[in-house]
Amino acid sequence: MKKSVLSIALAAVLAVSVLAFTACDDAVRIYAPDGAPVLALADMWGEDISVEGNTRATEYTVTGESNVSTLMTNGDADFIVAPLNVGANIHAGYEAGKMNYDYKLLNVTSWGVVYFTTNSDEHKSRSEFAEGRDGAIEFLGQFDGDTLSTIGLAAIPGKSAQYLFSQAGADVTLNGADATVIQQSYIKGEDMTAVFAQPAITGTQTQAAQQGHSLTVLGSVSEIYEEITGHAFPMAGMFVRADVLEDDPELVEAVNARVKSSVEKFASDTQTVAEKAEGIEGFSLKAAVIVKAKDTLNVAYKNAADSKSDVEALLANTGSSCDDKLFV
């Protein structure tokens, strides 16, 4: 009798454990790299996704941008905000039979956080040149013969800057540098002209000013790129694992809709969303910096179909392959 009771109790414990494990294992896994990409999801962060009235357990994780490719290669993410070239390269690798998992673009939420910056008075700002493409070419041409630092030398920031300089016929040497290296140079007042990103620029300007130094934003890569190409400058968006899209289209639709409303909330009530974002585990930005930098962050939602022509153009201009199967 005692053995029977013990067996029943043990079986009950095991059943609960299995259910708990299964519930955790079935959770929807959403990732976003630290920084501006998290802001698109900040309002929804921590919420379980509702699918046709049913709640789906959802896990949100902030990761480093350097981990994004690995997460997609291993299929760890059901949904992930990623630089467009990274997602496109994973998709191309799958199509070539080199990857186990395929990812497709669901939407674009980041339309450029990259800027030309300096603490030198040798360069003019974009506003000091004529409007339109000719003025943009002249702005870029002033860097001919110069050496600039850039974040993401082999990623969209560096590749897009190199593309723009090539369109202007400017011979510019780009040296890759970590954002922290560029930041510290500005704070210390060391000579620096760089392709840098928001909202780090805003935070760095405050710290540099406290040390009696300056950081001037010369122009927006997004705006200059649009003047040169006629296309918007999509940098990052949400990708969905292809088998999740195939097996659970209702979930994908629900996530996509919630991302859209989350972005809209960031635009309409930045202070509230910024305060929530500051409390997200693993997120490095402060609410005050987010609010101050809001207008330069270019957080906006477009679904994959509406973003397609801009995405195709950017990927072509920065050396990544692209096909129709990339888009949801």
C-alpha atoms as a PDB file:
ATOM      1  CA  MET A   1       0.000   0.000   0.000  1.00  0.00           C
ATOM      2  CA  LYS A   2       2.803   2.403   0.911  1.00  0.00           C
ATOM      3  CA  LYS A   3       4.615   1.542  -2.318  1.00  0.00           C
ATOM      4  CA  SER A   4       1.445   2.242  -4.296  1.00  0.00           C
ATOM      5  CA  VAL A   5       0.946   5.652  -2.661  1.00  0.00           C
ATOM      6  CA  LEU A   6       4.597   6.495  -3.179  1.00  0.00           C
ATOM      7  CA  SER A   7       4.422   5.473  -6.839  1.00  0.00           C
ATOM      8  CA  ILE A   8       1.335   7.591  -7.407  1.00  0.00           C
ATOM      9  CA  ALA A   9       2.951  10.597  -5.705  1.00  0.00           C
ATOM     10  CA  LEU A  10       6.134  10.173  -7.701  1.00  0.00           C
ATOM     11  CA  ALA A  11       4.170   9.884 -10.927  1.00  0.00           C
ATOM     12  CA  ALA A  12       2.286  13.077 -10.072  1.00  0.00           C
ATOM     13  CA  VAL A  13       5.519  14.959  -9.413  1.00  0.00           C
ATOM     14  CA  LEU A  14       6.989  13.740 -12.681  1.00  0.00           C
ATOM     15  CA  ALA A  15       3.852  14.698 -14.572  1.00  0.00           C
ATOM     16  CA  VAL A  16       3.970  18.228 -13.166  1.00  0.00           C
ATOM     17  CA  SER A  17       7.662  18.475 -14.006  1.00  0.00           C
ATOM     18  CA  VAL A  18       7.056  17.310 -17.561  1.00  0.00           C
ATOM     19  CA  LEU A  19       4.198  19.768 -17.977  1.00  0.00           C
ATOM     20  CA  ALA A  20       6.340  22.590 -16.632  1.00  0.00           C
ATOM     21  CA  PHE A  21       9.174  21.677 -18.963  1.00  0.00           C
ATOM     22  CA  THR A  22       6.820  21.360 -21.910  1.00  0.00           C
ATOM     23  CA  ALA A  23       5.223  24.731 -21.156  1.00  0.00           C
ATOM     24  CA  CYS A  24       8.648  26.353 -21.021  1.00  0.00           C
ATOM     25  CA  ASP A  25       9.806  24.509 -24.131  1.00  0.00           C
ATOM     26  CA  ASP A  26       6.696  25.600 -26.055  1.00  0.00           C
ATOM     27  CA  ALA A  27       7.176  29.262 -25.179  1.00  0.00           C
ATOM     28  CA  VAL A  28       7.443  31.715 -28.053  1.00  0.00           C
ATOM     29  CA  ARG A  29      11.033  32.971 -28.097  1.00  0.00           C
ATOM     30  CA  ILE A  30      11.616  36.584 -29.149  1.00  0.00           C
ATOM     31  CA  TYR A  31      15.080  38.177 -29.272  1.00  0.00           C
ATOM     32  CA  ALA A  32      16.310  41.704 -29.937  1.00  0.00           C
ATOM     33  CA  PRO A  33      19.857  43.097 -29.820  1.00  0.00           C
ATOM     34  CA  ASP A  34      20.597  45.658 -27.127  1.00  0.00           C
ATOM     35  CA  GLY A  35      20.075  49.284 -28.072  1.00  0.00           C
ATOM     36  CA  ALA A  36      17.616  50.881 -30.470  1.00  0.00           C
ATOM     37  CA  PRO A  37      16.157  47.572 -31.796  1.00  0.00           C
ATOM     38  CA  VAL A  38      14.662  46.811 -28.369  1.00  0.00           C
ATOM     39  CA  LEU A  39      12.705  50.067 -28.409  1.00  0.00           C
ATOM     40  CA  ALA A  40      10.363  48.793 -31.122  1.00  0.00           C
ATOM     41  CA  LEU A  41       9.347  45.941 -28.810  1.00  0.00           C
ATOM     42  CA  ALA A  42       9.589  47.732 -25.461  1.00  0.00           C
ATOM     43  CA  ASP A  43       5.857  48.328 -25.010  1.00  0.00           C
ATOM     44  CA  MET A  44       5.070  44.637 -25.578  1.00  0.00           C
ATOM     45  CA  TRP A  45       8.122  43.338 -23.693  1.00  0.00           C
ATOM     46  CA  GLY A  46       7.187  40.769 -21.057  1.00  0.00           C
ATOM     47  CA  GLU A  47       3.669  40.193 -22.400  1.00  0.00           C
ATOM     48  CA  ASP A  48       2.426  36.772 -23.432  1.00  0.00           C
ATOM     49  CA  ILE A  49       1.155  36.817 -26.993  1.00  0.00           C
ATOM     50  CA  SER A  50      -2.594  36.390 -27.449  1.00  0.00           C
ATOM     51  CA  VAL A  51      -3.551  34.242 -30.444  1.00  0.00           C
ATOM     52  CA  GLU A  52      -7.263  34.232 -31.261  1.00  0.00           C
ATOM     53  CA  GLY A  53      -8.093  34.633 -27.577  1.00  0.00           C
ATOM     54  CA  ASN A  54      -5.589  32.044 -26.371  1.00  0.00           C
ATOM     55  CA  THR A  55      -2.488  33.142 -24.460  1.00  0.00           C
ATOM     56  CA  ARG A  56       0.869  31.805 -25.587  1.00  0.00           C
ATOM     57  CA  ALA A  57       3.721  31.904 -23.091  1.00  0.00           C
ATOM     58  CA  THR A  58       6.372  34.249 -24.509  1.00  0.00           C
ATOM     59  CA  GLU A  59      10.015  34.696 -23.585  1.00  0.00           C
ATOM     60  CA  TYR A  60      11.821  37.949 -24.453  1.00  0.00           C
ATOM     61  CA  THR A  61      15.619  38.189 -24.431  1.00  0.00           C
ATOM     62  CA  VAL A  62      18.012  41.080 -25.013  1.00  0.00           C
ATOM     63  CA  THR A  63      21.146  39.891 -26.757  1.00  0.00           C
ATOM     64  CA  GLY A  64      24.304  41.373 -28.229  1.00  0.00           C
ATOM     65  CA  GLU A  65      24.250  42.159 -31.942  1.00  0.00           C
ATOM     66  CA  SER A  66      27.259  39.875 -32.372  1.00  0.00           C
ATOM     67  CA  ASN A  67      25.100  36.949 -31.177  1.00  0.00           C
ATOM     68  CA  VAL A  68      22.286  37.471 -33.689  1.00  0.00           C
ATOM     69  CA  SER A  69      23.786  35.401 -36.501  1.00  0.00           C
ATOM     70  CA  THR A  70      24.486  32.483 -34.146  1.00  0.00           C
ATOM     71  CA  LEU A  71      20.963  32.552 -32.729  1.00  0.00           C
ATOM     72  CA  MET A  72      19.545  32.366 -36.250  1.00  0.00           C
ATOM     73  CA  THR A  73      22.014  29.717 -37.422  1.00  0.00           C
ATOM     74  CA  ASN A  74      21.047  27.506 -34.472  1.00  0.00           C
ATOM     75  CA  GLY A  75      17.324  28.212 -34.854  1.00  0.00           C
ATOM     76  CA  ASP A  76      17.134  29.407 -31.245  1.00  0.00           C
ATOM     77  CA  ALA A  77      14.811  32.316 -32.029  1.00  0.00           C
ATOM     78  CA  ASP A  78      11.223  32.007 -33.208  1.00  0.00           C
ATOM     79  CA  PHE A  79      11.284  35.763 -33.835  1.00  0.00           C
ATOM     80  CA  ILE A  80      14.306  38.044 -33.806  1.00  0.00           C
ATOM     81  CA  VAL A  81      15.025  41.673 -34.624  1.00  0.00           C
ATOM     82  CA  ALA A  82      18.147  41.596 -36.762  1.00  0.00           C
ATOM     83  CA  PRO A  83      20.154  43.790 -39.135  1.00  0.00           C
ATOM     84  CA  LEU A  84      18.696  43.205 -42.587  1.00  0.00           C
ATOM     85  CA  ASN A  85      21.959  41.994 -44.093  1.00  0.00           C
ATOM     86  CA  VAL A  86      22.370  39.389 -41.337  1.00  0.00           C
ATOM     87  CA  GLY A  87      18.888  37.996 -41.883  1.00  0.00           C
ATOM     88  CA  ALA A  88      19.318  38.050 -45.656  1.00  0.00           C
ATOM     89  CA  ASN A  89      22.618  36.187 -45.389  1.00  0.00           C
ATOM     90  CA  ILE A  90      21.053  33.491 -43.186  1.00  0.00           C
ATOM     91  CA  HIS A  91      18.227  33.085 -45.710  1.00  0.00           C
ATOM     92  CA  ALA A  92      20.674  32.900 -48.618  1.00  0.00           C
ATOM     93  CA  GLY A  93      22.717  30.302 -46.733  1.00  0.00           C
ATOM     94  CA  TYR A  94      19.618  28.158 -46.216  1.00  0.00           C
ATOM     95  CA  GLU A  95      18.674  28.434 -49.889  1.00  0.00           C
ATOM     96  CA  ALA A  96      22.196  27.293 -50.766  1.00  0.00           C
ATOM     97  CA  GLY A  97      21.888  24.275 -48.477  1.00  0.00           C
ATOM     98  CA  LYS A  98      24.417  25.582 -45.964  1.00  0.00           C
ATOM     99  CA  MET A  99      22.010  26.383 -43.102  1.00  0.00           C
ATOM    100  CA  ASN A 100      19.604  24.217 -41.133  1.00  0.00           C
ATOM    101  CA  TYR A 101      17.105  27.012 -40.511  1.00  0.00           C
ATOM    102  CA  ASP A 102      15.524  29.575 -42.767  1.00  0.00           C
ATOM    103  CA  TYR A 103      14.323  33.016 -41.635  1.00  0.00           C
ATOM    104  CA  LYS A 104      11.997  35.401 -43.421  1.00  0.00           C
ATOM    105  CA  LEU A 105      11.489  39.130 -43.005  1.00  0.00           C
ATOM    106  CA  LEU A 106       8.231  39.953 -41.227  1.00  0.00           C
ATOM    107  CA  ASN A 107       8.568  43.726 -40.884  1.00  0.00           C
ATOM    108  CA  VAL A 108      11.041  46.604 -40.696  1.00  0.00           C
ATOM    109  CA  THR A 109      11.176  48.719 -37.534  1.00  0.00           C
ATOM    110  CA  SER A 110      14.489  50.589 -37.793  1.00  0.00           C
ATOM    111  CA  TRP A 111      14.996  53.115 -40.591  1.00  0.00           C
ATOM    112  CA  GLY A 112      18.485  54.298 -39.735  1.00  0.00           C
ATOM    113  CA  VAL A 113      20.296  55.396 -36.604  1.00  0.00           C
ATOM    114  CA  VAL A 114      23.644  56.161 -38.286  1.00  0.00           C
ATOM    115  CA  TYR A 115      25.154  59.645 -38.607  1.00  0.00           C
ATOM    116  CA  PHE A 116      28.321  61.374 -39.781  1.00  0.00           C
ATOM    117  CA  THR A 117      29.860  62.986 -36.686  1.00  0.00           C
ATOM    118  CA  THR A 118      32.988  64.985 -35.789  1.00  0.00           C
ATOM    119  CA  ASN A 119      34.651  67.168 -33.176  1.00  0.00           C
ATOM    120  CA  SER A 120      36.618  69.018 -35.855  1.00  0.00           C
ATOM    121  CA  ASP A 121      35.725  72.308 -37.549  1.00  0.00           C
ATOM    122  CA  GLU A 122      37.234  71.109 -40.835  1.00  0.00           C
ATOM    123  CA  HIS A 123      33.954  69.724 -42.186  1.00  0.00           C
ATOM    124  CA  LYS A 124      30.654  71.367 -43.015  1.00  0.00           C
ATOM    125  CA  SER A 125      27.277  69.964 -42.024  1.00  0.00           C
ATOM    126  CA  ARG A 126      24.828  68.654 -44.607  1.00  0.00           C
ATOM    127  CA  SER A 127      22.617  71.726 -44.098  1.00  0.00           C
ATOM    128  CA  GLU A 128      25.399  73.986 -45.402  1.00  0.00           C
ATOM    129  CA  PHE A 129      25.129  72.482 -48.874  1.00  0.00           C
ATOM    130  CA  ALA A 130      22.365  72.764 -51.460  1.00  0.00           C
ATOM    131  CA  GLU A 131      19.285  70.598 -51.114  1.00  0.00           C
ATOM    132  CA  GLY A 132      18.851  67.469 -53.200  1.00  0.00           C
ATOM    133  CA  ARG A 133      21.199  64.911 -54.671  1.00  0.00           C
ATOM    134  CA  ASP A 134      23.798  67.403 -55.903  1.00  0.00           C
ATOM    135  CA  GLY A 135      24.135  68.897 -52.424  1.00  0.00           C
ATOM    136  CA  ALA A 136      24.446  65.429 -50.904  1.00  0.00           C
ATOM    137  CA  ILE A 137      27.228  64.589 -53.373  1.00  0.00           C
ATOM    138  CA  GLU A 138      29.066  67.791 -52.424  1.00  0.00           C
ATOM    139  CA  PHE A 139      28.702  67.003 -48.726  1.00  0.00           C
ATOM    140  CA  LEU A 140      30.198  63.555 -49.207  1.00  0.00           C
ATOM    141  CA  GLY A 141      32.910  64.902 -51.498  1.00  0.00           C
ATOM    142  CA  GLN A 142      34.404  67.051 -48.733  1.00  0.00           C
ATOM    143  CA  PHE A 143      35.739  63.852 -47.114  1.00  0.00           C
ATOM    144  CA  ASP A 144      37.840  62.941 -50.165  1.00  0.00           C
ATOM    145  CA  GLY A 145      41.291  61.837 -49.011  1.00  0.00           C
ATOM    146  CA  ASP A 146      40.212  61.571 -45.363  1.00  0.00           C
ATOM    147  CA  THR A 147      40.250  58.647 -42.955  1.00  0.00           C
ATOM    148  CA  LEU A 148      37.097  58.081 -40.905  1.00  0.00           C
ATOM    149  CA  SER A 149      36.271  55.650 -38.143  1.00  0.00           C
ATOM    150  CA  THR A 150      33.047  53.676 -38.387  1.00  0.00           C
ATOM    151  CA  ILE A 151      31.031  51.284 -36.327  1.00  0.00           C
ATOM    152  CA  GLY A 152      30.142  48.056 -38.132  1.00  0.00           C
ATOM    153  CA  LEU A 153      32.776  48.238 -40.853  1.00  0.00           C
ATOM    154  CA  ALA A 154      31.583  44.953 -42.410  1.00  0.00           C
ATOM    155  CA  ALA A 155      27.930  45.585 -41.544  1.00  0.00           C
ATOM    156  CA  ILE A 156      25.316  48.055 -42.787  1.00  0.00           C
ATOM    157  CA  PRO A 157      26.898  51.214 -41.233  1.00  0.00           C
ATOM    158  CA  GLY A 158      30.314  50.717 -42.811  1.00  0.00           C
ATOM    159  CA  LYS A 159      29.063  49.262 -46.093  1.00  0.00           C
ATOM    160  CA  SER A 160      26.443  51.961 -46.607  1.00  0.00           C
ATOM    161  CA  ALA A 161      28.976  54.732 -45.867  1.00  0.00           C
ATOM    162  CA  GLN A 162      31.401  53.192 -48.347  1.00  0.00           C
ATOM    163  CA  TYR A 163      28.616  52.966 -50.936  1.00  0.00           C
ATOM    164  CA  LEU A 164      27.728  56.637 -50.465  1.00  0.00           C
ATOM    165  CA  PHE A 165      31.329  57.768 -50.774  1.00  0.00           C
ATOM    166  CA  SER A 166      31.696  55.703 -53.953  1.00  0.00           C
ATOM    167  CA  GLN A 167      28.620  57.390 -55.433  1.00  0.00           C
ATOM    168  CA  ALA A 168      30.229  60.759 -54.718  1.00  0.00           C
ATOM    169  CA  GLY A 169      33.572  59.667 -56.172  1.00  0.00           C
ATOM    170  CA  ALA A 170      35.225  60.357 -52.810  1.00  0.00           C
ATOM    171  CA  ASP A 171      38.309  58.332 -51.898  1.00  0.00           C
ATOM    172  CA  VAL A 172      37.750  57.768 -48.184  1.00  0.00           C
ATOM    173  CA  THR A 173      39.475  55.253 -45.935  1.00  0.00           C
ATOM    174  CA  LEU A 174      37.126  53.706 -43.369  1.00  0.00           C
ATOM    175  CA  ASN A 175      38.606  52.123 -40.263  1.00  0.00           C
ATOM    176  CA  GLY A 176      36.422  49.891 -38.122  1.00  0.00           C
ATOM    177  CA  ALA A 177      36.105  50.854 -34.473  1.00  0.00           C
ATOM    178  CA  ASP A 178      33.923  49.744 -31.577  1.00  0.00           C
ATOM    179  CA  ALA A 179      31.304  52.245 -30.504  1.00  0.00           C
ATOM    180  CA  THR A 180      32.963  52.517 -27.093  1.00  0.00           C
ATOM    181  CA  VAL A 181      36.276  53.511 -28.706  1.00  0.00           C
ATOM    182  CA  ILE A 182      34.609  56.267 -30.718  1.00  0.00           C
ATOM    183  CA  GLN A 183      32.652  57.371 -27.674  1.00  0.00           C
ATOM    184  CA  GLN A 184      35.724  57.643 -25.460  1.00  0.00           C
ATOM    185  CA  SER A 185      37.629  59.598 -28.114  1.00  0.00           C
ATOM    186  CA  TYR A 186      34.854  62.184 -28.192  1.00  0.00           C
ATOM    187  CA  ILE A 187      34.618  62.341 -24.402  1.00  0.00           C
ATOM    188  CA  LYS A 188      38.387  62.859 -24.116  1.00  0.00           C
ATOM    189  CA  GLY A 189      38.446  65.437 -26.909  1.00  0.00           C
ATOM    190  CA  GLU A 190      40.705  63.379 -29.172  1.00  0.00           C
ATOM    191  CA  ASP A 191      40.475  64.195 -32.895  1.00  0.00           C
ATOM    192  CA  MET A 192      37.642  62.121 -34.300  1.00  0.00           C
ATOM    193  CA  THR A 193      35.412  62.045 -37.359  1.00  0.00           C
ATOM    194  CA  ALA A 194      33.241  58.971 -37.451  1.00  0.00           C
ATOM    195  CA  VAL A 195      30.172  57.152 -38.663  1.00  0.00           C
ATOM    196  CA  PHE A 196      28.429  56.753 -35.312  1.00  0.00           C
ATOM    197  CA  ALA A 197      24.934  55.809 -34.141  1.00  0.00           C
ATOM    198  CA  GLN A 198      22.076  57.015 -32.002  1.00  0.00           C
ATOM    199  CA  PRO A 199      21.245  56.974 -29.163  1.00  0.00           C
ATOM    200  CA  ALA A 200      24.927  56.607 -28.236  1.00  0.00           C
ATOM    201  CA  ILE A 201      25.558  59.963 -29.925  1.00  0.00           C
ATOM    202  CA  THR A 202      23.162  61.769 -27.596  1.00  0.00           C
ATOM    203  CA  GLY A 203      24.660  60.203 -24.480  1.00  0.00           C
ATOM    204  CA  THR A 204      28.200  60.912 -25.703  1.00  0.00           C
ATOM    205  CA  GLN A 205      27.406  64.561 -26.435  1.00  0.00           C
ATOM    206  CA  THR A 206      26.346  65.045 -22.812  1.00  0.00           C
ATOM    207  CA  GLN A 207      29.471  63.374 -21.432  1.00  0.00           C
ATOM    208  CA  ALA A 208      31.799  65.206 -23.817  1.00  0.00           C
ATOM    209  CA  ALA A 209      30.258  68.564 -22.890  1.00  0.00           C
ATOM    210  CA  GLN A 210      30.859  67.814 -19.225  1.00  0.00           C
ATOM    211  CA  GLN A 211      34.561  67.484 -20.070  1.00  0.00           C
ATOM    212  CA  GLY A 212      34.570  70.683 -22.112  1.00  0.00           C
ATOM    213  CA  HIS A 213      34.571  68.888 -25.471  1.00  0.00           C
ATOM    214  CA  SER A 214      32.132  68.652 -28.361  1.00  0.00           C
ATOM    215  CA  LEU A 215      30.502  66.193 -30.741  1.00  0.00           C
ATOM    216  CA  THR A 216      28.788  67.628 -33.812  1.00  0.00           C
ATOM    217  CA  VAL A 217      26.349  65.699 -35.980  1.00  0.00           C
ATOM    218  CA  LEU A 218      27.164  66.597 -39.596  1.00  0.00           C
ATOM    219  CA  GLY A 219      24.408  64.681 -41.314  1.00  0.00           C
ATOM    220  CA  SER A 220      22.117  61.655 -41.318  1.00  0.00           C
ATOM    221  CA  VAL A 221      23.181  58.628 -43.329  1.00  0.00           C
ATOM    222  CA  SER A 222      19.482  57.789 -43.775  1.00  0.00           C
ATOM    223  CA  GLU A 223      18.637  61.166 -45.292  1.00  0.00           C
ATOM    224  CA  ILE A 224      21.726  61.332 -47.481  1.00  0.00           C
ATOM    225  CA  TYR A 225      21.170  57.755 -48.678  1.00  0.00           C
ATOM    226  CA  GLU A 226      17.600  58.641 -49.656  1.00  0.00           C
ATOM    227  CA  GLU A 227      18.808  61.740 -51.517  1.00  0.00           C
ATOM    228  CA  ILE A 228      21.350  59.658 -53.438  1.00  0.00           C
ATOM    229  CA  THR A 229      19.202  56.595 -54.180  1.00  0.00           C
ATOM    230  CA  GLY A 230      15.578  57.660 -53.896  1.00  0.00           C
ATOM    231  CA  HIS A 231      15.043  54.825 -51.417  1.00  0.00           C
ATOM    232  CA  ALA A 232      14.518  54.836 -47.659  1.00  0.00           C
ATOM    233  CA  PHE A 233      17.233  53.335 -45.437  1.00  0.00           C
ATOM    234  CA  PRO A 234      15.959  50.182 -43.689  1.00  0.00           C
ATOM    235  CA  MET A 235      18.477  48.898 -41.146  1.00  0.00           C
ATOM    236  CA  ALA A 236      16.764  46.260 -39.035  1.00  0.00           C
ATOM    237  CA  GLY A 237      13.520  44.373 -38.789  1.00  0.00           C
ATOM    238  CA  MET A 238      11.868  41.329 -37.273  1.00  0.00           C
ATOM    239  CA  PHE A 239      12.568  37.952 -38.837  1.00  0.00           C
ATOM    240  CA  VAL A 240      10.520  34.812 -38.211  1.00  0.00           C
ATOM    241  CA  ARG A 241      11.795  31.254 -38.487  1.00  0.00           C
ATOM    242  CA  ALA A 242      10.288  29.777 -41.644  1.00  0.00           C
ATOM    243  CA  ASP A 243       8.875  26.644 -40.012  1.00  0.00           C
ATOM    244  CA  VAL A 244       7.105  28.759 -37.382  1.00  0.00           C
ATOM    245  CA  LEU A 245       5.535  30.776 -40.199  1.00  0.00           C
ATOM    246  CA  GLU A 246       4.410  27.606 -41.939  1.00  0.00           C
ATOM    247  CA  ASP A 247       3.156  25.756 -38.854  1.00  0.00           C
ATOM    248  CA  ASP A 248       1.595  28.625 -36.907  1.00  0.00           C
ATOM    249  CA  PRO A 249       0.536  31.491 -39.200  1.00  0.00           C
ATOM    250  CA  GLU A 250      -1.975  32.797 -36.631  1.00  0.00           C
ATOM    251  CA  LEU A 251       0.842  33.255 -34.109  1.00  0.00           C
ATOM    252  CA  VAL A 252       2.944  35.095 -36.696  1.00  0.00           C
ATOM    253  CA  GLU A 253       0.042  37.390 -37.530  1.00  0.00           C
ATOM    254  CA  ALA A 254      -0.528  38.118 -33.827  1.00  0.00           C
ATOM    255  CA  VAL A 255       3.151  38.916 -33.194  1.00  0.00           C
ATOM    256  CA  ASN A 256       3.317  41.137 -36.262  1.00  0.00           C
ATOM    257  CA  ALA A 257       0.247  43.088 -35.168  1.00  0.00           C
ATOM    258  CA  ARG A 258       1.610  43.516 -31.651  1.00  0.00           C
ATOM    259  CA  VAL A 259       4.952  44.786 -32.959  1.00  0.00           C
ATOM    260  CA  LYS A 260       3.060  47.393 -34.969  1.00  0.00           C
ATOM    261  CA  SER A 261       1.100  48.615 -31.946  1.00  0.00           C
ATOM    262  CA  SER A 262       4.270  48.558 -29.822  1.00  0.00           C
ATOM    263  CA  VAL A 263       6.052  50.837 -32.299  1.00  0.00           C
ATOM    264  CA  GLU A 264       3.043  53.149 -32.403  1.00  0.00           C
ATOM    265  CA  LYS A 265       3.102  53.366 -28.610  1.00  0.00           C
ATOM    266  CA  PHE A 266       6.776  54.336 -28.670  1.00  0.00           C
ATOM    267  CA  ALA A 267       5.930  57.170 -31.054  1.00  0.00           C
ATOM    268  CA  SER A 268       2.889  58.431 -29.128  1.00  0.00           C
ATOM    269  CA  ASP A 269       4.113  58.011 -25.536  1.00  0.00           C
ATOM    270  CA  THR A 270       7.895  57.878 -25.658  1.00  0.00           C
ATOM    271  CA  GLN A 271       8.393  58.777 -21.999  1.00  0.00           C
ATOM    272  CA  THR A 272       6.325  55.844 -20.712  1.00  0.00           C
ATOM    273  CA  VAL A 273       7.890  53.347 -23.106  1.00  0.00           C
ATOM    274  CA  ALA A 274      11.400  54.643 -22.398  1.00  0.00           C
ATOM    275  CA  GLU A 275      10.872  54.191 -18.659  1.00  0.00           C
ATOM    276  CA  LYS A 276       9.694  50.622 -19.248  1.00  0.00           C
ATOM    277  CA  ALA A 277      12.645  49.960 -21.546  1.00  0.00           C
ATOM    278  CA  GLU A 278      15.125  51.138 -18.929  1.00  0.00           C
ATOM    279  CA  GLY A 279      13.882  48.382 -16.622  1.00  0.00           C
ATOM    280  CA  ILE A 280      14.297  45.574 -19.167  1.00  0.00           C
ATOM    281  CA  GLU A 281      16.921  43.039 -18.086  1.00  0.00           C
ATOM    282  CA  GLY A 282      20.049  43.333 -20.215  1.00  0.00           C
ATOM    283  CA  PHE A 283      19.040  46.668 -21.781  1.00  0.00           C
ATOM    284  CA  SER A 284      21.704  49.354 -21.482  1.00  0.00           C
ATOM    285  CA  LEU A 285      19.983  52.636 -22.358  1.00  0.00           C
ATOM    286  CA  LYS A 286      18.572  55.182 -19.931  1.00  0.00           C
ATOM    287  CA  ALA A 287      15.103  56.638 -20.343  1.00  0.00           C
ATOM    288  CA  ALA A 288      16.357  60.230 -20.434  1.00  0.00           C
ATOM    289  CA  VAL A 289      18.697  59.473 -23.341  1.00  0.00           C
ATOM    290  CA  ILE A 290      15.971  57.623 -25.251  1.00  0.00           C
ATOM    291  CA  VAL A 291      13.529  60.516 -24.894  1.00  0.00           C
ATOM    292  CA  LYS A 292      16.147  63.083 -25.917  1.00  0.00           C
ATOM    293  CA  ALA A 293      17.193  61.032 -28.953  1.00  0.00           C
ATOM    294  CA  LYS A 294      13.691  59.987 -30.048  1.00  0.00           C
ATOM    295  CA  ASP A 295      13.487  62.074 -33.214  1.00  0.00           C
ATOM    296  CA  THR A 296      16.810  60.725 -34.499  1.00  0.00           C
ATOM    297  CA  LEU A 297      16.094  57.045 -33.858  1.00  0.00           C
ATOM    298  CA  ASN A 298      13.776  56.550 -36.859  1.00  0.00           C
ATOM    299  CA  VAL A 299      11.701  53.821 -35.202  1.00  0.00           C
ATOM    300  CA  ALA A 300       8.739  53.143 -37.494  1.00  0.00           C
ATOM    301  CA  TYR A 301       6.775  50.091 -38.590  1.00  0.00           C
ATOM    302  CA  LYS A 302       6.329  48.790 -42.137  1.00  0.00           C
ATOM    303  CA  ASN A 303       5.378  45.237 -43.028  1.00  0.00           C
ATOM    304  CA  ALA A 304       7.658  43.192 -45.268  1.00  0.00           C
ATOM    305  CA  ALA A 305       5.637  43.790 -48.419  1.00  0.00           C
ATOM    306  CA  ASP A 306       5.627  47.574 -48.015  1.00  0.00           C
ATOM    307  CA  SER A 307       9.363  47.550 -47.226  1.00  0.00           C
ATOM    308  CA  LYS A 308      10.384  45.249 -50.059  1.00  0.00           C
ATOM    309  CA  SER A 309      11.709  47.711 -52.661  1.00  0.00           C
ATOM    310  CA  ASP A 310      13.734  49.625 -50.058  1.00  0.00           C
ATOM    311  CA  VAL A 311      15.142  46.414 -48.571  1.00  0.00           C
ATOM    312  CA  GLU A 312      16.083  45.050 -51.984  1.00  0.00           C
ATOM    313  CA  ALA A 313      17.871  48.286 -52.867  1.00  0.00           C
ATOM    314  CA  LEU A 314      19.824  48.491 -49.609  1.00  0.00           C
ATOM    315  CA  LEU A 315      20.919  44.866 -49.738  1.00  0.00           C
ATOM    316  CA  ALA A 316      22.040  45.266 -53.355  1.00  0.00           C
ATOM    317  CA  ASN A 317      23.952  48.448 -52.545  1.00  0.00           C
ATOM    318  CA  THR A 318      25.716  46.874 -49.560  1.00  0.00           C
ATOM    319  CA  GLY A 319      26.609  43.576 -51.214  1.00  0.00           C
ATOM    320  CA  SER A 320      24.043  41.115 -49.829  1.00  0.00           C
ATOM    321  CA  SER A 321      21.898  38.802 -51.919  1.00  0.00           C
ATOM    322  CA  CYS A 322      18.111  38.995 -51.849  1.00  0.00           C
ATOM    323  CA  ASP A 323      15.220  37.046 -53.363  1.00  0.00           C
ATOM    324  CA  ASP A 324      11.444  37.103 -53.135  1.00  0.00           C
ATOM    325  CA  LYS A 325      11.404  34.198 -50.678  1.00  0.00           C
ATOM    326  CA  LEU A 326      13.005  36.444 -48.040  1.00  0.00           C
ATOM    327  CA  PHE A 327       9.761  38.351 -47.545  1.00  0.00           C
ATOM    328  CA  VAL A 328       6.653  37.216 -45.682  1.00  0.00           C
END
